[in-house]
PDB file of all heavy atoms in Angstrom:
ATOM      1  N   THR A   1      99.781 129.135 227.981  1.00  0.00           N
ATOM      2  CA  THR A   1      98.527 128.603 228.414  1.00  0.00           C
ATOM      3  C   THR A   1      98.846 127.566 229.541  1.00  0.00           C
ATOM      4  O   THR A   1      98.288 127.530 230.534  1.00  0.00           O
ATOM      5  CB  THR A   1      97.789 128.004 227.350  1.00  0.00           C
ATOM      6  OG1 THR A   1      97.478 128.984 226.365  1.00  0.00           O
ATOM      7  CG2 THR A   1      96.492 127.293 227.767  1.00  0.00           C
ATOM      8  N   SER A   2      99.813 126.679 229.219  1.00  0.00           N
ATOM      9  CA  SER A   2     100.201 125.598 230.102  1.00  0.00           C
ATOM     10  C   SER A   2     100.720 126.213 231.375  1.00  0.00           C
ATOM     11  O   SER A   2     100.291 125.746 232.548  1.00  0.00           O
ATOM     12  CB  SER A   2     101.206 124.747 229.478  1.00  0.00           C
ATOM     13  OG  SER A   2     101.653 123.821 230.433  1.00  0.00           O
ATOM     14  N   LEU A   3     101.548 127.206 231.333  1.00  0.00           N
ATOM     15  CA  LEU A   3     102.081 127.819 232.538  1.00  0.00           C
ATOM     16  C   LEU A   3     100.989 128.599 233.390  1.00  0.00           C
ATOM     17  O   LEU A   3     101.017 128.589 234.560  1.00  0.00           O
ATOM     18  CB  LEU A   3     103.178 128.849 232.156  1.00  0.00           C
ATOM     19  CG  LEU A   3     104.437 128.234 231.597  1.00  0.00           C
ATOM     20  CD1 LEU A   3     105.376 129.304 231.102  1.00  0.00           C
ATOM     21  CD2 LEU A   3     105.182 127.399 232.641  1.00  0.00           C
ATOM     22  N   ALA A   4     100.060 129.137 232.680  1.00  0.00           N
ATOM     23  CA  ALA A   4      98.972 129.891 233.376  1.00  0.00           C
ATOM     24  C   ALA A   4      98.225 128.941 234.295  1.00  0.00           C
ATOM     25  O   ALA A   4      97.887 129.190 235.413  1.00  0.00           O
ATOM     26  CB  ALA A   4      98.080 130.568 232.439  1.00  0.00           C
ATOM     27  N   LEU A   5      97.810 127.756 233.716  1.00  0.00           N
ATOM     28  CA  LEU A   5      97.039 126.819 234.514  1.00  0.00           C
ATOM     29  C   LEU A   5      97.903 126.210 235.628  1.00  0.00           C
ATOM     30  O   LEU A   5      97.479 126.152 236.782  1.00  0.00           O
ATOM     31  CB  LEU A   5      96.504 125.640 233.647  1.00  0.00           C
ATOM     32  CG  LEU A   5      95.595 124.712 234.314  1.00  0.00           C
ATOM     33  CD1 LEU A   5      94.416 125.459 234.970  1.00  0.00           C
ATOM     34  CD2 LEU A   5      95.040 123.645 233.357  1.00  0.00           C
ATOM     35  N   ALA A   6      99.219 125.876 235.355  1.00  0.00           N
ATOM     36  CA  ALA A   6     100.069 125.364 236.359  1.00  0.00           C
ATOM     37  C   ALA A   6     100.265 126.394 237.523  1.00  0.00           C
ATOM     38  O   ALA A   6     100.170 126.090 238.690  1.00  0.00           O
ATOM     39  CB  ALA A   6     101.424 124.948 235.749  1.00  0.00           C
ATOM     40  N   ALA A   7     100.381 127.675 237.131  1.00  0.00           N
ATOM     41  CA  ALA A   7     100.626 128.669 238.147  1.00  0.00           C
ATOM     42  C   ALA A   7      99.343 128.898 238.972  1.00  0.00           C
ATOM     43  O   ALA A   7      99.410 129.097 240.190  1.00  0.00           O
ATOM     44  CB  ALA A   7     101.019 129.989 237.474  1.00  0.00           C
ATOM     45  N   ALA A   8      98.217 128.846 238.313  1.00  0.00           N
ATOM     46  CA  ALA A   8      96.967 129.013 239.045  1.00  0.00           C
ATOM     47  C   ALA A   8      96.787 127.914 240.042  1.00  0.00           C
ATOM     48  O   ALA A   8      96.211 128.166 241.170  1.00  0.00           O
ATOM     49  CB  ALA A   8      95.709 129.012 238.087  1.00  0.00           C
ATOM     50  N   MET A   9      97.227 126.740 239.755  1.00  0.00           N
ATOM     51  CA  MET A   9      97.134 125.622 240.654  1.00  0.00           C
ATOM     52  C   MET A   9      98.195 125.632 241.764  1.00  0.00           C
ATOM     53  O   MET A   9      98.157 124.863 242.701  1.00  0.00           O
ATOM     54  CB  MET A   9      97.271 124.295 239.931  1.00  0.00           C
ATOM     55  CG  MET A   9      96.161 124.100 238.873  1.00  0.00           C
ATOM     56  SD  MET A   9      94.535 124.146 239.640  1.00  0.00           S
ATOM     57  CE  MET A   9      93.957 125.735 239.211  1.00  0.00           C
ATOM     58  N   ALA A  10      99.212 126.520 241.628  1.00  0.00           N
ATOM     59  CA  ALA A  10     100.310 126.526 242.558  1.00  0.00           C
ATOM     60  C   ALA A  10      99.886 127.118 243.912  1.00  0.00           C
ATOM     61  O   ALA A  10     100.628 127.031 244.892  1.00  0.00           O
ATOM     62  CB  ALA A  10     101.536 127.245 241.992  1.00  0.00           C
ATOM     63  N   VAL A  11      98.813 127.829 243.945  1.00  0.00           N
ATOM     64  CA  VAL A  11      98.350 128.403 245.241  1.00  0.00           C
ATOM     65  C   VAL A  11      98.092 127.376 246.242  1.00  0.00           C
ATOM     66  O   VAL A  11      97.591 126.271 245.839  1.00  0.00           O
ATOM     67  CB  VAL A  11      97.027 129.247 244.917  1.00  0.00           C
ATOM     68  CG1 VAL A  11      95.935 128.666 245.594  1.00  0.00           C
ATOM     69  CG2 VAL A  11      97.251 130.726 245.234  1.00  0.00           C
ATOM     70  N   PRO A  12      98.391 127.588 247.533  1.00  0.00           N
ATOM     71  CA  PRO A  12      98.099 126.542 248.518  1.00  0.00           C
ATOM     72  C   PRO A  12      96.629 126.246 248.509  1.00  0.00           C
ATOM     73  O   PRO A  12      95.807 127.127 248.404  1.00  0.00           O
ATOM     74  CB  PRO A  12      98.570 127.251 249.831  1.00  0.00           C
ATOM     75  CG  PRO A  12      99.438 128.341 249.427  1.00  0.00           C
ATOM     76  CD  PRO A  12      99.041 128.750 248.088  1.00  0.00           C
ATOM     77  N   ALA A  13      96.328 124.959 248.657  1.00  0.00           N
ATOM     78  CA  ALA A  13      94.969 124.515 248.601  1.00  0.00           C
ATOM     79  C   ALA A  13      94.150 125.014 249.767  1.00  0.00           C
ATOM     80  O   ALA A  13      94.703 125.058 250.816  1.00  0.00           O
ATOM     81  CB  ALA A  13      94.917 122.977 248.548  1.00  0.00           C
ATOM     82  N   LEU A  14      92.891 125.328 249.551  1.00  0.00           N
ATOM     83  CA  LEU A  14      92.050 125.806 250.631  1.00  0.00           C
ATOM     84  C   LEU A  14      91.099 124.652 250.937  1.00  0.00           C
ATOM     85  O   LEU A  14      90.336 124.248 250.096  1.00  0.00           O
ATOM     86  CB  LEU A  14      91.256 127.011 250.248  1.00  0.00           C
ATOM     87  CG  LEU A  14      92.014 128.284 249.869  1.00  0.00           C
ATOM     88  CD1 LEU A  14      91.064 129.321 249.345  1.00  0.00           C
ATOM     89  CD2 LEU A  14      92.698 128.771 251.128  1.00  0.00           C
ATOM     90  N   ALA A  15      91.169 124.166 252.184  1.00  0.00           N
ATOM     91  CA  ALA A  15      90.160 123.077 252.542  1.00  0.00           C
ATOM     92  C   ALA A  15      88.924 123.697 252.648  1.00  0.00           C
ATOM     93  O   ALA A  15      88.672 124.761 253.252  1.00  0.00           O
ATOM     94  CB  ALA A  15      90.719 122.478 253.834  1.00  0.00           C
ATOM     95  N   ALA A  16      87.846 123.198 251.951  1.00  0.00           N
ATOM     96  CA  ALA A  16      86.551 123.735 251.882  1.00  0.00           C
ATOM     97  C   ALA A  16      85.912 123.930 253.247  1.00  0.00           C
ATOM     98  O   ALA A  16      85.140 124.845 253.536  1.00  0.00           O
ATOM     99  CB  ALA A  16      85.643 122.883 251.023  1.00  0.00           C
ATOM    100  N   ASP A  17      86.237 122.968 254.171  1.00  0.00           N
ATOM    101  CA  ASP A  17      85.651 123.024 255.495  1.00  0.00           C
ATOM    102  C   ASP A  17      86.225 124.129 256.400  1.00  0.00           C
ATOM    103  O   ASP A  17      85.662 124.488 257.415  1.00  0.00           O
ATOM    104  CB  ASP A  17      85.653 121.615 256.187  1.00  0.00           C
ATOM    105  CG  ASP A  17      87.045 121.072 256.264  1.00  0.00           C
ATOM    106  OD1 ASP A  17      87.969 121.552 255.578  1.00  0.00           O
ATOM    107  OD2 ASP A  17      87.168 120.051 256.987  1.00  0.00           O
ATOM    108  N   THR A  18      87.445 124.530 256.096  1.00  0.00           N
ATOM    109  CA  THR A  18      88.060 125.586 256.989  1.00  0.00           C
ATOM    110  C   THR A  18      88.175 126.912 256.191  1.00  0.00           C
ATOM    111  O   THR A  18      88.555 127.946 256.852  1.00  0.00           O
ATOM    112  CB  THR A  18      89.432 125.145 257.373  1.00  0.00           C
ATOM    113  OG1 THR A  18      90.263 124.990 256.246  1.00  0.00           O
ATOM    114  CG2 THR A  18      89.432 123.919 258.170  1.00  0.00           C
ATOM    115  N   ALA A  19      87.880 127.051 254.990  1.00  0.00           N
ATOM    116  CA  ALA A  19      87.953 128.246 254.246  1.00  0.00           C
ATOM    117  C   ALA A  19      86.877 129.189 254.610  1.00  0.00           C
ATOM    118  O   ALA A  19      85.702 128.799 254.787  1.00  0.00           O
ATOM    119  CB  ALA A  19      87.969 128.036 252.705  1.00  0.00           C
ATOM    120  N   THR A  20      87.185 130.471 254.657  1.00  0.00           N
ATOM    121  CA  THR A  20      86.160 131.511 254.880  1.00  0.00           C
ATOM    122  C   THR A  20      85.368 131.686 253.610  1.00  0.00           C
ATOM    123  O   THR A  20      85.719 131.188 252.574  1.00  0.00           O
ATOM    124  CB  THR A  20      86.783 132.838 255.235  1.00  0.00           C
ATOM    125  OG1 THR A  20      87.438 133.328 254.076  1.00  0.00           O
ATOM    126  CG2 THR A  20      87.687 132.735 256.467  1.00  0.00           C
ATOM    127  N   ALA A  21      84.226 132.320 253.771  1.00  0.00           N
ATOM    128  CA  ALA A  21      83.318 132.598 252.687  1.00  0.00           C
ATOM    129  C   ALA A  21      84.079 133.384 251.580  1.00  0.00           C
ATOM    130  O   ALA A  21      83.878 133.056 250.290  1.00  0.00           O
ATOM    131  CB  ALA A  21      82.072 133.385 253.055  1.00  0.00           C
ATOM    132  N   ASP A  22      84.873 134.294 251.969  1.00  0.00           N
ATOM    133  CA  ASP A  22      85.654 135.117 251.027  1.00  0.00           C
ATOM    134  C   ASP A  22      86.702 134.257 250.273  1.00  0.00           C
ATOM    135  O   ASP A  22      86.932 134.432 249.081  1.00  0.00           O
ATOM    136  CB  ASP A  22      86.451 136.284 251.759  1.00  0.00           C
ATOM    137  CG  ASP A  22      85.489 137.397 252.165  1.00  0.00           C
ATOM    138  OD1 ASP A  22      84.347 137.464 251.678  1.00  0.00           O
ATOM    139  OD2 ASP A  22      85.951 138.185 253.001  1.00  0.00           O
ATOM    140  N   GLU A  23      87.341 133.363 251.004  1.00  0.00           N
ATOM    141  CA  GLU A  23      88.324 132.491 250.418  1.00  0.00           C
ATOM    142  C   GLU A  23      87.649 131.525 249.374  1.00  0.00           C
ATOM    143  O   GLU A  23      88.152 131.301 248.284  1.00  0.00           O
ATOM    144  CB  GLU A  23      89.074 131.658 251.426  1.00  0.00           C
ATOM    145  CG  GLU A  23      90.026 132.522 252.282  1.00  0.00           C
ATOM    146  CD  GLU A  23      90.605 131.707 253.436  1.00  0.00           C
ATOM    147  OE1 GLU A  23      89.959 130.850 253.962  1.00  0.00           O
ATOM    148  OE2 GLU A  23      91.691 132.032 253.810  1.00  0.00           O
ATOM    149  N   GLN A  24      86.496 130.989 249.718  1.00  0.00           N
ATOM    150  CA  GLN A  24      85.732 130.169 248.829  1.00  0.00           C
ATOM    151  C   GLN A  24      85.263 130.873 247.634  1.00  0.00           C
ATOM    152  O   GLN A  24      85.348 130.439 246.469  1.00  0.00           O
ATOM    153  CB  GLN A  24      84.585 129.529 249.576  1.00  0.00           C
ATOM    154  CG  GLN A  24      84.908 128.462 250.517  1.00  0.00           C
ATOM    155  CD  GLN A  24      83.763 127.966 251.340  1.00  0.00           C
ATOM    156  OE1 GLN A  24      82.644 128.324 251.120  1.00  0.00           O
ATOM    157  NE2 GLN A  24      83.951 127.088 252.274  1.00  0.00           N
ATOM    158  N   ALA A  25      84.848 132.102 247.841  1.00  0.00           N
ATOM    159  CA  ALA A  25      84.486 133.014 246.664  1.00  0.00           C
ATOM    160  C   ALA A  25      85.587 133.277 245.751  1.00  0.00           C
ATOM    161  O   ALA A  25      85.550 133.267 244.524  1.00  0.00           O
ATOM    162  CB  ALA A  25      83.824 134.268 247.205  1.00  0.00           C
ATOM    163  N   GLN A  26      86.799 133.432 246.344  1.00  0.00           N
ATOM    164  CA  GLN A  26      88.033 133.739 245.578  1.00  0.00           C
ATOM    165  C   GLN A  26      88.433 132.546 244.667  1.00  0.00           C
ATOM    166  O   GLN A  26      88.811 132.626 243.607  1.00  0.00           O
ATOM    167  CB  GLN A  26      89.227 134.113 246.421  1.00  0.00           C
ATOM    168  CG  GLN A  26      90.460 134.569 245.727  1.00  0.00           C
ATOM    169  CD  GLN A  26      90.180 135.729 244.778  1.00  0.00           C
ATOM    170  OE1 GLN A  26      89.716 136.818 245.192  1.00  0.00           O
ATOM    171  NE2 GLN A  26      90.437 135.627 243.545  1.00  0.00           N
ATOM    172  N   VAL A  27      88.288 131.324 245.289  1.00  0.00           N
ATOM    173  CA  VAL A  27      88.678 130.077 244.567  1.00  0.00           C
ATOM    174  C   VAL A  27      87.670 129.980 243.342  1.00  0.00           C
ATOM    175  O   VAL A  27      88.087 129.701 242.295  1.00  0.00           O
ATOM    176  CB  VAL A  27      88.480 128.843 245.443  1.00  0.00           C
ATOM    177  CG1 VAL A  27      88.540 127.507 244.641  1.00  0.00           C
ATOM    178  CG2 VAL A  27      89.676 128.786 246.440  1.00  0.00           C
ATOM    179  N   LYS A  28      86.429 130.194 243.623  1.00  0.00           N
ATOM    180  CA  LYS A  28      85.384 130.185 242.562  1.00  0.00           C
ATOM    181  C   LYS A  28      85.722 131.179 241.420  1.00  0.00           C
ATOM    182  O   LYS A  28      85.593 130.838 240.315  1.00  0.00           O
ATOM    183  CB  LYS A  28      83.969 130.356 243.050  1.00  0.00           C
ATOM    184  CG  LYS A  28      83.471 129.170 243.896  1.00  0.00           C
ATOM    185  CD  LYS A  28      82.053 129.374 244.329  1.00  0.00           C
ATOM    186  CE  LYS A  28      81.511 128.266 245.206  1.00  0.00           C
ATOM    187  NZ  LYS A  28      81.541 127.014 244.697  1.00  0.00           N
ATOM    188  N   ALA A  29      86.164 132.376 241.850  1.00  0.00           N
ATOM    189  CA  ALA A  29      86.530 133.411 240.888  1.00  0.00           C
ATOM    190  C   ALA A  29      87.703 132.974 240.047  1.00  0.00           C
ATOM    191  O   ALA A  29      87.802 133.245 238.864  1.00  0.00           O
ATOM    192  CB  ALA A  29      86.750 134.767 241.594  1.00  0.00           C
ATOM    193  N   ASP A  30      88.704 132.375 240.758  1.00  0.00           N
ATOM    194  CA  ASP A  30      89.873 131.862 240.098  1.00  0.00           C
ATOM    195  C   ASP A  30      89.606 130.792 239.101  1.00  0.00           C
ATOM    196  O   ASP A  30      90.099 130.741 238.029  1.00  0.00           O
ATOM    197  CB  ASP A  30      90.937 131.341 241.075  1.00  0.00           C
ATOM    198  CG  ASP A  30      91.647 132.423 241.845  1.00  0.00           C
ATOM    199  OD1 ASP A  30      91.484 133.655 241.493  1.00  0.00           O
ATOM    200  OD2 ASP A  30      92.337 132.134 242.868  1.00  0.00           O
ATOM    201  N   VAL A  31      88.662 129.856 239.455  1.00  0.00           N
ATOM    202  CA  VAL A  31      88.235 128.813 238.541  1.00  0.00           C
ATOM    203  C   VAL A  31      87.533 129.360 237.397  1.00  0.00           C
ATOM    204  O   VAL A  31      87.834 129.045 236.176  1.00  0.00           O
ATOM    205  CB  VAL A  31      87.340 127.828 239.303  1.00  0.00           C
ATOM    206  CG1 VAL A  31      86.655 126.885 238.363  1.00  0.00           C
ATOM    207  CG2 VAL A  31      88.092 127.009 240.232  1.00  0.00           C
ATOM    208  N   LYS A  32      86.696 130.339 237.571  1.00  0.00           N
ATOM    209  CA  LYS A  32      85.992 130.981 236.565  1.00  0.00           C
ATOM    210  C   LYS A  32      86.913 131.716 235.511  1.00  0.00           C
ATOM    211  O   LYS A  32      86.838 131.595 234.320  1.00  0.00           O
ATOM    212  CB  LYS A  32      84.964 132.019 237.053  1.00  0.00           C
ATOM    213  CG  LYS A  32      84.084 132.662 236.039  1.00  0.00           C
ATOM    214  CD  LYS A  32      83.026 133.540 236.555  1.00  0.00           C
ATOM    215  CE  LYS A  32      82.161 134.163 235.528  1.00  0.00           C
ATOM    216  NZ  LYS A  32      81.161 135.101 236.092  1.00  0.00           N
ATOM    217  N   ALA A  33      87.965 132.441 236.092  1.00  0.00           N
ATOM    218  CA  ALA A  33      88.869 133.096 235.248  1.00  0.00           C
ATOM    219  C   ALA A  33      89.722 132.140 234.461  1.00  0.00           C
ATOM    220  O   ALA A  33      90.066 132.406 233.304  1.00  0.00           O
ATOM    221  CB  ALA A  33      89.832 134.011 236.111  1.00  0.00           C
ATOM    222  N   THR A  34      90.209 131.068 235.074  1.00  0.00           N
ATOM    223  CA  THR A  34      90.971 130.048 234.466  1.00  0.00           C
ATOM    224  C   THR A  34      90.165 129.430 233.277  1.00  0.00           C
ATOM    225  O   THR A  34      90.675 129.280 232.145  1.00  0.00           O
ATOM    226  CB  THR A  34      91.411 128.910 235.446  1.00  0.00           C
ATOM    227  OG1 THR A  34      92.233 129.569 236.445  1.00  0.00           O
ATOM    228  CG2 THR A  34      92.229 127.927 234.735  1.00  0.00           C
TER     229      THR A  34
END
């Protein structure tokens, strides 16, 4: 469980102001899955 959350957070951060709609949707999906 600990590794899963750490690994999910290891993805490079997406700045909300420069992320595409698809990237923002993917972040929301990753948050929901986590």
